[in-house]
Amino acid sequence: MSIAEDVERLARRMDALKVEYEHYFSGRARMEPAKLRKEVQSIIARWTGQHINNTMYKFRLRNLVSRYNTLSAYWNRTLQAIEDGTFTRDHFRMEIHERERRERDEKRQRLDAIITNRGGGAQPDALYNEFLAARKECGQGDGVARQAFETFLNRQREEIQKRYGCTQVDFRVSVEGSKVRLVAKPQRSGGN
């Protein structure tokens, strides 16, 4: 390859390498971008000690090598800090994840309490109120009209009764992730 192609390739690879390391340090990537780093090092090694006649490419290559050396020292320091367990951004990120997990658990407990207080086989009033409360807790708002809700329930009940040949269908509110759903359970003539 020519010096012009290698300098352009080196510039692109170094930009990508910088982004990949930031992803790795922030926890978005699981593995260090070692393959890309070796590729950058091989381009630099190919032109180290070579005589370059074109002053522009010589200048750009020196700048890129200098930039790589600076970034490499930063990456090595950060990798060492991670290995030693003194990398502060890891602790900060873990605290954020822990707080978010606690908030999700608390929200789930509140929703479970609402669902438990309702009891089985709820009337449409209680089910509608529970559905709205769950949507509000999940940040989905309460934009469900009561008549549309009851129409949906009746249509689902008829379809399930036809499909399973049951006489009764119990509905309950379920929260999966941040989505609120209605779960139907057909009741056969024996109670199950």
N, C-alpha and C. Protein backbone atom coordinates (compact mmCIF):
# COMPACT_ATOMS: atom_id res chain seq x y z
N MET A 1 0.84 -1.19 0.00
CA MET A 1 0.00 0.00 0.00
C MET A 1 0.88 1.24 0.00
N SER A 2 0.32 2.30 -0.52
CA SER A 2 1.06 3.55 -0.57
C SER A 2 0.92 4.29 0.76
N ILE A 3 1.77 5.25 0.97
CA ILE A 3 1.72 6.05 2.19
C ILE A 3 0.40 6.79 2.30
N ALA A 4 -0.12 7.28 1.18
CA ALA A 4 -1.39 8.02 1.19
C ALA A 4 -2.53 7.13 1.69
N GLU A 5 -2.61 5.91 1.17
CA GLU A 5 -3.67 4.99 1.59
C GLU A 5 -3.51 4.61 3.07
N ASP A 6 -2.27 4.34 3.48
CA ASP A 6 -2.03 3.94 4.86
C ASP A 6 -2.32 5.06 5.85
N VAL A 7 -1.99 6.29 5.50
CA VAL A 7 -2.25 7.41 6.40
C VAL A 7 -3.76 7.59 6.57
N GLU A 8 -4.51 7.51 5.47
CA GLU A 8 -5.97 7.64 5.57
C GLU A 8 -6.57 6.48 6.37
N ARG A 9 -6.07 5.29 6.09
CA ARG A 9 -6.56 4.11 6.81
C ARG A 9 -6.23 4.21 8.30
N LEU A 10 -5.03 4.68 8.62
CA LEU A 10 -4.61 4.84 10.01
C LEU A 10 -5.50 5.86 10.73
N ALA A 11 -5.79 6.95 10.06
CA ALA A 11 -6.65 7.98 10.68
C ALA A 11 -8.04 7.41 10.99
N ARG A 12 -8.62 6.67 10.04
CA ARG A 12 -9.95 6.07 10.26
C ARG A 12 -9.91 5.02 11.37
N ARG A 13 -8.89 4.17 11.35
CA ARG A 13 -8.78 3.11 12.35
C ARG A 13 -8.57 3.69 13.76
N MET A 14 -7.80 4.76 13.85
CA MET A 14 -7.57 5.36 15.17
C MET A 14 -8.84 5.99 15.72
N ASP A 15 -9.63 6.63 14.85
CA ASP A 15 -10.91 7.17 15.31
C ASP A 15 -11.82 6.05 15.81
N ALA A 16 -11.87 4.96 15.04
CA ALA A 16 -12.69 3.82 15.45
C ALA A 16 -12.16 3.20 16.74
N LEU A 17 -10.84 3.13 16.87
CA LEU A 17 -10.23 2.55 18.07
C LEU A 17 -10.55 3.38 19.31
N LYS A 18 -10.50 4.69 19.17
CA LYS A 18 -10.83 5.57 20.29
C LYS A 18 -12.27 5.35 20.74
N VAL A 19 -13.19 5.25 19.79
CA VAL A 19 -14.60 5.02 20.12
C VAL A 19 -14.77 3.66 20.79
N GLU A 20 -14.10 2.64 20.24
CA GLU A 20 -14.22 1.29 20.81
C GLU A 20 -13.71 1.23 22.25
N TYR A 21 -12.60 1.91 22.53
CA TYR A 21 -12.09 1.93 23.90
C TYR A 21 -13.04 2.67 24.84
N GLU A 22 -13.63 3.74 24.38
CA GLU A 22 -14.59 4.45 25.23
C GLU A 22 -15.81 3.57 25.52
N HIS A 23 -16.24 2.80 24.53
CA HIS A 23 -17.34 1.85 24.76
C HIS A 23 -16.92 0.79 25.77
N TYR A 24 -15.69 0.32 25.64
CA TYR A 24 -15.20 -0.70 26.56
C TYR A 24 -15.11 -0.15 27.99
N PHE A 25 -14.56 1.05 28.14
CA PHE A 25 -14.40 1.64 29.47
C PHE A 25 -15.74 2.01 30.10
N SER A 26 -16.73 2.36 29.28
CA SER A 26 -18.03 2.72 29.84
C SER A 26 -18.90 1.49 30.11
N GLY A 27 -18.46 0.33 29.63
CA GLY A 27 -19.21 -0.90 29.89
C GLY A 27 -20.14 -1.30 28.77
N ARG A 28 -20.18 -0.57 27.69
CA ARG A 28 -21.06 -0.91 26.57
C ARG A 28 -20.49 -2.04 25.72
N ALA A 29 -19.17 -2.23 25.75
CA ALA A 29 -18.53 -3.34 25.03
C ALA A 29 -17.91 -4.26 26.06
N ARG A 30 -18.00 -5.56 25.83
CA ARG A 30 -17.52 -6.53 26.80
C ARG A 30 -16.03 -6.82 26.67
N MET A 31 -15.49 -6.63 25.47
CA MET A 31 -14.09 -6.99 25.25
C MET A 31 -13.29 -5.80 24.78
N GLU A 32 -12.04 -5.78 25.20
CA GLU A 32 -11.10 -4.74 24.76
C GLU A 32 -10.87 -4.90 23.26
N PRO A 33 -10.80 -3.79 22.50
CA PRO A 33 -10.62 -3.89 21.03
C PRO A 33 -9.16 -4.18 20.66
N ALA A 34 -8.65 -5.30 21.09
CA ALA A 34 -7.24 -5.65 20.89
C ALA A 34 -6.91 -5.87 19.42
N LYS A 35 -7.83 -6.45 18.66
CA LYS A 35 -7.56 -6.73 17.25
C LYS A 35 -7.38 -5.43 16.47
N LEU A 36 -8.25 -4.47 16.72
CA LEU A 36 -8.16 -3.18 16.05
C LEU A 36 -6.89 -2.44 16.48
N ARG A 37 -6.53 -2.58 17.75
CA ARG A 37 -5.31 -1.92 18.23
C ARG A 37 -4.08 -2.52 17.55
N LYS A 38 -4.05 -3.84 17.35
CA LYS A 38 -2.91 -4.47 16.66
C LYS A 38 -2.84 -4.03 15.21
N GLU A 39 -4.00 -3.84 14.59
CA GLU A 39 -4.02 -3.37 13.21
C GLU A 39 -3.41 -1.97 13.11
N VAL A 40 -3.78 -1.09 14.05
CA VAL A 40 -3.20 0.26 14.08
C VAL A 40 -1.69 0.18 14.31
N GLN A 41 -1.27 -0.66 15.23
CA GLN A 41 0.15 -0.80 15.52
C GLN A 41 0.92 -1.32 14.31
N SER A 42 0.31 -2.22 13.55
CA SER A 42 1.01 -2.77 12.38
C SER A 42 1.17 -1.71 11.29
N ILE A 43 0.17 -0.83 11.12
CA ILE A 43 0.31 0.25 10.14
C ILE A 43 1.43 1.19 10.56
N ILE A 44 1.48 1.51 11.85
CA ILE A 44 2.53 2.39 12.36
C ILE A 44 3.89 1.73 12.19
N ALA A 45 3.99 0.45 12.52
CA ALA A 45 5.27 -0.26 12.41
C ALA A 45 5.74 -0.34 10.97
N ARG A 46 4.81 -0.45 10.03
CA ARG A 46 5.18 -0.55 8.61
C ARG A 46 5.94 0.70 8.15
N TRP A 47 5.56 1.86 8.68
CA TRP A 47 6.16 3.11 8.22
C TRP A 47 7.20 3.67 9.17
N THR A 48 7.40 3.05 10.33
CA THR A 48 8.43 3.51 11.26
C THR A 48 9.80 3.20 10.66
N GLY A 49 10.64 4.21 10.60
CA GLY A 49 11.99 4.04 10.05
C GLY A 49 12.06 4.13 8.54
N GLN A 50 10.92 4.24 7.88
CA GLN A 50 10.90 4.37 6.42
C GLN A 50 11.10 5.83 6.03
N HIS A 51 11.78 6.05 4.94
CA HIS A 51 11.96 7.41 4.43
C HIS A 51 10.72 7.78 3.62
N ILE A 52 10.10 8.91 3.99
CA ILE A 52 8.90 9.38 3.30
C ILE A 52 9.25 10.71 2.64
N ASN A 53 9.13 10.76 1.31
CA ASN A 53 9.48 11.96 0.56
C ASN A 53 8.42 13.05 0.67
N ASN A 54 7.18 12.66 0.69
CA ASN A 54 6.08 13.63 0.70
C ASN A 54 5.95 14.23 2.10
N THR A 55 6.21 15.52 2.21
CA THR A 55 6.22 16.20 3.51
C THR A 55 4.84 16.18 4.17
N MET A 56 3.79 16.33 3.37
CA MET A 56 2.43 16.34 3.93
C MET A 56 2.12 15.01 4.63
N TYR A 57 2.38 13.89 3.96
CA TYR A 57 2.10 12.59 4.55
C TYR A 57 3.03 12.29 5.72
N LYS A 58 4.27 12.76 5.61
CA LYS A 58 5.22 12.58 6.70
C LYS A 58 4.71 13.30 7.95
N PHE A 59 4.23 14.53 7.78
CA PHE A 59 3.69 15.33 8.88
C PHE A 59 2.44 14.67 9.48
N ARG A 60 1.51 14.24 8.61
CA ARG A 60 0.27 13.60 9.09
C ARG A 60 0.57 12.30 9.83
N LEU A 61 1.51 11.52 9.31
CA LEU A 61 1.86 10.26 9.96
C LEU A 61 2.46 10.51 11.34
N ARG A 62 3.35 11.49 11.43
CA ARG A 62 3.95 11.81 12.73
C ARG A 62 2.88 12.27 13.73
N ASN A 63 1.94 13.09 13.25
CA ASN A 63 0.86 13.53 14.14
C ASN A 63 -0.01 12.36 14.60
N LEU A 64 -0.33 11.45 13.69
CA LEU A 64 -1.14 10.29 14.06
C LEU A 64 -0.39 9.38 15.03
N VAL A 65 0.90 9.19 14.80
CA VAL A 65 1.70 8.36 15.71
C VAL A 65 1.77 9.00 17.08
N SER A 66 1.95 10.31 17.12
CA SER A 66 1.99 11.02 18.39
C SER A 66 0.64 10.90 19.12
N ARG A 67 -0.43 11.07 18.36
CA ARG A 67 -1.77 10.93 18.95
C ARG A 67 -1.98 9.51 19.47
N TYR A 68 -1.55 8.52 18.69
CA TYR A 68 -1.69 7.13 19.13
C TYR A 68 -0.92 6.88 20.43
N ASN A 69 0.31 7.40 20.51
CA ASN A 69 1.11 7.20 21.71
C ASN A 69 0.44 7.82 22.94
N THR A 70 -0.14 9.00 22.77
CA THR A 70 -0.84 9.65 23.87
C THR A 70 -2.06 8.83 24.30
N LEU A 71 -2.87 8.43 23.32
CA LEU A 71 -4.06 7.63 23.63
C LEU A 71 -3.67 6.27 24.22
N SER A 72 -2.62 5.68 23.69
CA SER A 72 -2.17 4.38 24.18
C SER A 72 -1.77 4.46 25.65
N ALA A 73 -1.07 5.53 26.03
CA ALA A 73 -0.70 5.70 27.44
C ALA A 73 -1.96 5.83 28.30
N TYR A 74 -2.95 6.58 27.84
CA TYR A 74 -4.21 6.72 28.57
C TYR A 74 -4.93 5.38 28.70
N TRP A 75 -5.01 4.65 27.58
CA TRP A 75 -5.68 3.36 27.61
C TRP A 75 -4.98 2.39 28.56
N ASN A 76 -3.66 2.36 28.52
CA ASN A 76 -2.90 1.47 29.40
C ASN A 76 -3.11 1.83 30.87
N ARG A 77 -3.11 3.13 31.18
CA ARG A 77 -3.37 3.57 32.56
C ARG A 77 -4.77 3.14 33.02
N THR A 78 -5.74 3.33 32.13
CA THR A 78 -7.12 2.97 32.48
C THR A 78 -7.28 1.46 32.63
N LEU A 79 -6.65 0.70 31.75
CA LEU A 79 -6.71 -0.77 31.86
C LEU A 79 -6.07 -1.23 33.17
N GLN A 80 -4.97 -0.60 33.54
CA GLN A 80 -4.31 -0.94 34.80
C GLN A 80 -5.21 -0.60 35.99
N ALA A 81 -5.89 0.55 35.92
CA ALA A 81 -6.81 0.95 36.99
C ALA A 81 -7.97 -0.03 37.10
N ILE A 82 -8.47 -0.50 35.97
CA ILE A 82 -9.55 -1.51 35.99
C ILE A 82 -9.04 -2.79 36.64
N GLU A 83 -7.84 -3.20 36.26
CA GLU A 83 -7.25 -4.42 36.81
C GLU A 83 -7.03 -4.29 38.32
N ASP A 84 -6.60 -3.09 38.76
CA ASP A 84 -6.36 -2.87 40.19
C ASP A 84 -7.66 -2.64 40.97
N GLY A 85 -8.75 -2.38 40.27
CA GLY A 85 -10.03 -2.12 40.94
C GLY A 85 -10.18 -0.69 41.42
N THR A 86 -9.40 0.22 40.86
CA THR A 86 -9.47 1.62 41.27
C THR A 86 -10.09 2.50 40.20
N PHE A 87 -10.68 1.91 39.19
CA PHE A 87 -11.28 2.67 38.10
C PHE A 87 -12.60 3.23 38.58
N THR A 88 -12.69 4.55 38.73
CA THR A 88 -13.85 5.17 39.36
C THR A 88 -15.10 5.11 38.52
N ARG A 89 -15.00 5.16 37.21
CA ARG A 89 -16.21 5.13 36.39
C ARG A 89 -16.93 3.79 36.52
N ASP A 90 -16.20 2.71 36.74
CA ASP A 90 -16.85 1.43 36.97
C ASP A 90 -17.72 1.48 38.21
N HIS A 91 -17.20 2.07 39.28
CA HIS A 91 -17.97 2.16 40.52
C HIS A 91 -19.20 3.03 40.32
N PHE A 92 -19.04 4.13 39.65
CA PHE A 92 -20.15 5.04 39.39
C PHE A 92 -21.23 4.33 38.59
N ARG A 93 -20.84 3.62 37.53
CA ARG A 93 -21.79 2.90 36.69
C ARG A 93 -22.50 1.81 37.47
N MET A 94 -21.76 1.10 38.32
CA MET A 94 -22.38 0.04 39.13
C MET A 94 -23.41 0.62 40.09
N GLU A 95 -23.10 1.79 40.67
CA GLU A 95 -24.06 2.44 41.57
C GLU A 95 -25.33 2.83 40.84
N ILE A 96 -25.18 3.34 39.62
CA ILE A 96 -26.35 3.71 38.83
C ILE A 96 -27.20 2.48 38.53
N HIS A 97 -26.56 1.38 38.09
CA HIS A 97 -27.29 0.15 37.79
C HIS A 97 -27.98 -0.39 39.04
N GLU A 98 -27.31 -0.33 40.18
CA GLU A 98 -27.90 -0.82 41.42
C GLU A 98 -29.11 0.02 41.81
N ARG A 99 -29.01 1.33 41.68
CA ARG A 99 -30.13 2.21 42.01
C ARG A 99 -31.31 1.94 41.07
N GLU A 100 -31.04 1.78 39.77
CA GLU A 100 -32.11 1.48 38.82
C GLU A 100 -32.76 0.14 39.13
N ARG A 101 -31.96 -0.85 39.52
CA ARG A 101 -32.52 -2.16 39.87
C ARG A 101 -33.42 -2.06 41.09
N ARG A 102 -32.97 -1.30 42.12
CA ARG A 102 -33.80 -1.11 43.31
C ARG A 102 -35.12 -0.42 42.97
N GLU A 103 -35.05 0.61 42.11
CA GLU A 103 -36.27 1.32 41.71
C GLU A 103 -37.23 0.39 40.97
N ARG A 104 -36.68 -0.45 40.07
CA ARG A 104 -37.53 -1.42 39.36
C ARG A 104 -38.17 -2.40 40.33
N ASP A 105 -37.38 -2.89 41.32
CA ASP A 105 -37.92 -3.82 42.30
C ASP A 105 -39.02 -3.19 43.14
N GLU A 106 -38.80 -1.93 43.55
CA GLU A 106 -39.82 -1.24 44.34
C GLU A 106 -41.09 -1.03 43.53
N LYS A 107 -40.94 -0.65 42.26
CA LYS A 107 -42.11 -0.46 41.40
C LYS A 107 -42.86 -1.78 41.23
N ARG A 108 -42.09 -2.87 41.04
CA ARG A 108 -42.70 -4.19 40.88
C ARG A 108 -43.45 -4.59 42.15
N GLN A 109 -42.88 -4.31 43.33
CA GLN A 109 -43.56 -4.63 44.59
C GLN A 109 -44.86 -3.84 44.75
N ARG A 110 -44.84 -2.55 44.36
CA ARG A 110 -46.06 -1.75 44.44
C ARG A 110 -47.13 -2.32 43.52
N LEU A 111 -46.72 -2.70 42.30
CA LEU A 111 -47.69 -3.28 41.37
C LEU A 111 -48.20 -4.62 41.87
N ASP A 112 -47.32 -5.44 42.44
CA ASP A 112 -47.76 -6.72 43.00
C ASP A 112 -48.75 -6.51 44.13
N ALA A 113 -48.52 -5.47 44.94
CA ALA A 113 -49.46 -5.18 46.04
C ALA A 113 -50.82 -4.79 45.49
N ILE A 114 -50.83 -4.00 44.41
CA ILE A 114 -52.11 -3.62 43.79
C ILE A 114 -52.81 -4.86 43.27
N ILE A 115 -52.07 -5.73 42.59
CA ILE A 115 -52.65 -6.94 42.01
C ILE A 115 -53.14 -7.88 43.11
N THR A 116 -52.36 -8.04 44.18
CA THR A 116 -52.74 -8.93 45.27
C THR A 116 -54.00 -8.44 45.97
N ASN A 117 -54.09 -7.14 46.18
CA ASN A 117 -55.27 -6.58 46.85
C ASN A 117 -56.54 -6.78 46.04
N ARG A 118 -56.42 -6.91 44.74
CA ARG A 118 -57.59 -7.08 43.89
C ARG A 118 -58.23 -8.44 44.09
N GLY A 119 -57.40 -9.48 44.26
CA GLY A 119 -57.95 -10.83 44.37
C GLY A 119 -58.23 -11.41 43.00
N GLY A 120 -58.57 -12.70 42.94
CA GLY A 120 -58.80 -13.37 41.68
C GLY A 120 -60.17 -13.08 41.10
N GLY A 121 -60.30 -13.20 39.80
CA GLY A 121 -61.58 -13.06 39.12
C GLY A 121 -62.21 -11.70 39.33
N ALA A 122 -61.47 -10.65 39.14
CA ALA A 122 -61.95 -9.31 39.42
C ALA A 122 -63.07 -8.90 38.47
N GLN A 123 -63.89 -8.03 38.97
CA GLN A 123 -64.93 -7.42 38.16
C GLN A 123 -64.27 -6.43 37.21
N PRO A 124 -64.95 -6.06 36.14
CA PRO A 124 -64.35 -5.12 35.19
C PRO A 124 -63.92 -3.80 35.83
N ASP A 125 -64.66 -3.30 36.86
CA ASP A 125 -64.28 -2.05 37.51
C ASP A 125 -62.90 -2.17 38.16
N ALA A 126 -62.73 -3.20 38.95
CA ALA A 126 -61.46 -3.39 39.66
C ALA A 126 -60.33 -3.66 38.68
N LEU A 127 -60.59 -4.46 37.65
CA LEU A 127 -59.58 -4.78 36.66
C LEU A 127 -59.16 -3.53 35.88
N TYR A 128 -60.14 -2.70 35.53
CA TYR A 128 -59.86 -1.46 34.81
C TYR A 128 -59.00 -0.53 35.68
N ASN A 129 -59.37 -0.39 36.94
CA ASN A 129 -58.61 0.47 37.85
C ASN A 129 -57.19 -0.06 38.05
N GLU A 130 -57.07 -1.37 38.17
CA GLU A 130 -55.74 -1.98 38.33
C GLU A 130 -54.90 -1.77 37.08
N PHE A 131 -55.52 -1.92 35.91
CA PHE A 131 -54.83 -1.72 34.63
C PHE A 131 -54.32 -0.29 34.52
N LEU A 132 -55.17 0.68 34.86
CA LEU A 132 -54.76 2.09 34.81
C LEU A 132 -53.64 2.38 35.80
N ALA A 133 -53.74 1.81 37.01
CA ALA A 133 -52.70 2.04 38.03
C ALA A 133 -51.36 1.47 37.57
N ALA A 134 -51.40 0.30 36.96
CA ALA A 134 -50.16 -0.33 36.48
C ALA A 134 -49.56 0.50 35.34
N ARG A 135 -50.39 0.98 34.43
CA ARG A 135 -49.89 1.82 33.33
C ARG A 135 -49.27 3.10 33.87
N LYS A 136 -49.90 3.67 34.89
CA LYS A 136 -49.37 4.91 35.48
C LYS A 136 -48.02 4.64 36.14
N GLU A 137 -47.90 3.53 36.86
CA GLU A 137 -46.63 3.17 37.51
C GLU A 137 -45.52 2.94 36.48
N CYS A 138 -45.87 2.43 35.32
CA CYS A 138 -44.88 2.16 34.28
C CYS A 138 -44.65 3.36 33.37
N GLY A 139 -45.31 4.47 33.67
CA GLY A 139 -45.11 5.68 32.89
C GLY A 139 -45.79 5.66 31.54
N GLN A 140 -46.84 4.87 31.38
CA GLN A 140 -47.55 4.79 30.10
C GLN A 140 -48.79 5.67 30.07
N GLY A 141 -49.07 6.35 31.16
CA GLY A 141 -50.25 7.23 31.20
C GLY A 141 -51.52 6.42 31.36
N ASP A 142 -52.65 7.11 31.36
CA ASP A 142 -53.94 6.43 31.53
C ASP A 142 -54.85 6.67 30.34
N GLY A 143 -54.30 6.70 29.16
CA GLY A 143 -55.05 7.02 27.95
C GLY A 143 -55.88 5.88 27.40
N VAL A 144 -56.53 5.11 28.26
CA VAL A 144 -57.37 4.01 27.81
C VAL A 144 -58.80 4.31 28.25
N ALA A 145 -59.69 4.46 27.28
CA ALA A 145 -61.09 4.74 27.60
C ALA A 145 -61.74 3.50 28.20
N ARG A 146 -62.60 3.73 29.17
CA ARG A 146 -63.25 2.62 29.86
C ARG A 146 -64.08 1.76 28.90
N GLN A 147 -64.82 2.40 28.01
CA GLN A 147 -65.67 1.65 27.09
C GLN A 147 -64.82 0.80 26.15
N ALA A 148 -63.69 1.34 25.66
CA ALA A 148 -62.80 0.58 24.79
C ALA A 148 -62.20 -0.61 25.55
N PHE A 149 -61.87 -0.40 26.82
CA PHE A 149 -61.32 -1.46 27.66
C PHE A 149 -62.33 -2.59 27.81
N GLU A 150 -63.59 -2.24 28.13
CA GLU A 150 -64.62 -3.26 28.32
C GLU A 150 -64.94 -3.97 27.01
N THR A 151 -64.95 -3.25 25.91
CA THR A 151 -65.18 -3.88 24.60
C THR A 151 -64.08 -4.88 24.30
N PHE A 152 -62.84 -4.49 24.57
CA PHE A 152 -61.71 -5.40 24.35
C PHE A 152 -61.85 -6.65 25.22
N LEU A 153 -62.19 -6.47 26.50
CA LEU A 153 -62.36 -7.62 27.40
C LEU A 153 -63.45 -8.56 26.89
N ASN A 154 -64.58 -8.00 26.50
CA ASN A 154 -65.69 -8.85 26.02
C ASN A 154 -65.30 -9.61 24.77
N ARG A 155 -64.62 -8.94 23.84
CA ARG A 155 -64.19 -9.60 22.61
C ARG A 155 -63.19 -10.73 22.92
N GLN A 156 -62.22 -10.46 23.79
CA GLN A 156 -61.24 -11.48 24.17
C GLN A 156 -61.92 -12.65 24.88
N ARG A 157 -62.85 -12.33 25.77
CA ARG A 157 -63.56 -13.38 26.51
C ARG A 157 -64.30 -14.31 25.55
N GLU A 158 -65.00 -13.74 24.55
CA GLU A 158 -65.73 -14.55 23.57
C GLU A 158 -64.79 -15.43 22.76
N GLU A 159 -63.68 -14.85 22.31
CA GLU A 159 -62.72 -15.63 21.51
C GLU A 159 -62.14 -16.79 22.32
N ILE A 160 -61.79 -16.53 23.58
CA ILE A 160 -61.19 -17.56 24.42
C ILE A 160 -62.22 -18.64 24.75
N GLN A 161 -63.46 -18.24 25.01
CA GLN A 161 -64.50 -19.23 25.29
C GLN A 161 -64.73 -20.13 24.09
N LYS A 162 -64.73 -19.57 22.89
CA LYS A 162 -64.89 -20.39 21.68
C LYS A 162 -63.70 -21.31 21.48
N ARG A 163 -62.50 -20.77 21.65
CA ARG A 163 -61.29 -21.53 21.40
C ARG A 163 -61.12 -22.68 22.39
N TYR A 164 -61.37 -22.44 23.67
CA TYR A 164 -61.10 -23.44 24.70
C TYR A 164 -62.35 -24.14 25.21
N GLY A 165 -63.51 -23.72 24.76
CA GLY A 165 -64.76 -24.34 25.21
C GLY A 165 -64.98 -24.19 26.70
N CYS A 166 -64.64 -23.06 27.24
CA CYS A 166 -64.80 -22.84 28.68
C CYS A 166 -66.00 -21.94 28.93
N THR A 167 -66.42 -21.89 30.18
CA THR A 167 -67.59 -21.09 30.54
C THR A 167 -67.20 -19.73 31.12
N GLN A 168 -65.99 -19.65 31.69
CA GLN A 168 -65.57 -18.40 32.34
C GLN A 168 -64.10 -18.13 32.00
N VAL A 169 -63.77 -16.83 31.91
CA VAL A 169 -62.40 -16.41 31.65
C VAL A 169 -62.03 -15.37 32.69
N ASP A 170 -60.95 -15.63 33.42
CA ASP A 170 -60.45 -14.67 34.40
C ASP A 170 -59.31 -13.88 33.78
N PHE A 171 -59.32 -12.58 34.00
CA PHE A 171 -58.26 -11.72 33.51
C PHE A 171 -57.47 -11.18 34.70
N ARG A 172 -56.19 -10.99 34.47
CA ARG A 172 -55.36 -10.34 35.47
C ARG A 172 -54.37 -9.43 34.76
N VAL A 173 -53.86 -8.44 35.49
CA VAL A 173 -52.89 -7.51 34.94
C VAL A 173 -51.49 -8.06 35.19
N SER A 174 -50.67 -8.01 34.17
CA SER A 174 -49.29 -8.48 34.27
C SER A 174 -48.37 -7.37 33.79
N VAL A 175 -47.25 -7.21 34.48
CA VAL A 175 -46.25 -6.24 34.06
C VAL A 175 -44.97 -7.00 33.72
N GLU A 176 -44.55 -6.89 32.47
CA GLU A 176 -43.34 -7.55 32.00
C GLU A 176 -42.39 -6.47 31.50
N GLY A 177 -41.30 -6.27 32.23
CA GLY A 177 -40.40 -5.17 31.90
C GLY A 177 -41.11 -3.87 32.23
N SER A 178 -41.38 -3.07 31.22
CA SER A 178 -42.12 -1.83 31.44
C SER A 178 -43.43 -1.85 30.66
N LYS A 179 -43.88 -3.03 30.26
CA LYS A 179 -45.11 -3.16 29.50
C LYS A 179 -46.20 -3.79 30.36
N VAL A 180 -47.37 -3.19 30.29
CA VAL A 180 -48.53 -3.68 31.03
C VAL A 180 -49.38 -4.49 30.07
N ARG A 181 -49.74 -5.69 30.50
CA ARG A 181 -50.55 -6.58 29.65
C ARG A 181 -51.69 -7.16 30.46
N LEU A 182 -52.72 -7.58 29.74
CA LEU A 182 -53.79 -8.34 30.36
C LEU A 182 -53.57 -9.80 30.00
N VAL A 183 -53.61 -10.64 31.02
CA VAL A 183 -53.41 -12.07 30.81
C VAL A 183 -54.74 -12.76 31.10
N ALA A 184 -55.17 -13.59 30.17
CA ALA A 184 -56.44 -14.30 30.32
C ALA A 184 -56.18 -15.74 30.72
N LYS A 185 -57.04 -16.23 31.62
CA LYS A 185 -56.94 -17.62 32.05
C LYS A 185 -58.31 -18.26 31.92
N PRO A 186 -58.45 -19.21 30.99
CA PRO A 186 -59.74 -19.88 30.82
C PRO A 186 -60.05 -20.76 32.03
N GLN A 187 -61.30 -20.71 32.49
CA GLN A 187 -61.75 -21.54 33.60
C GLN A 187 -62.70 -22.60 33.07
N ARG A 188 -62.29 -23.82 33.18
CA ARG A 188 -63.15 -24.92 32.73
C ARG A 188 -64.29 -25.12 33.73
N SER A 189 -65.22 -25.95 33.40
CA SER A 189 -66.39 -26.14 34.26
C SER A 189 -66.03 -26.68 35.63
N GLY A 190 -64.84 -27.34 35.76
CA GLY A 190 -64.40 -27.88 37.04
C GLY A 190 -63.69 -26.84 37.88
N GLY A 191 -63.53 -25.63 37.40
CA GLY A 191 -62.84 -24.59 38.16
C GLY A 191 -61.46 -24.29 37.63
N ASN A 192 -60.87 -25.17 36.87
CA ASN A 192 -59.56 -24.94 36.26
C ASN A 192 -59.71 -25.08 34.79
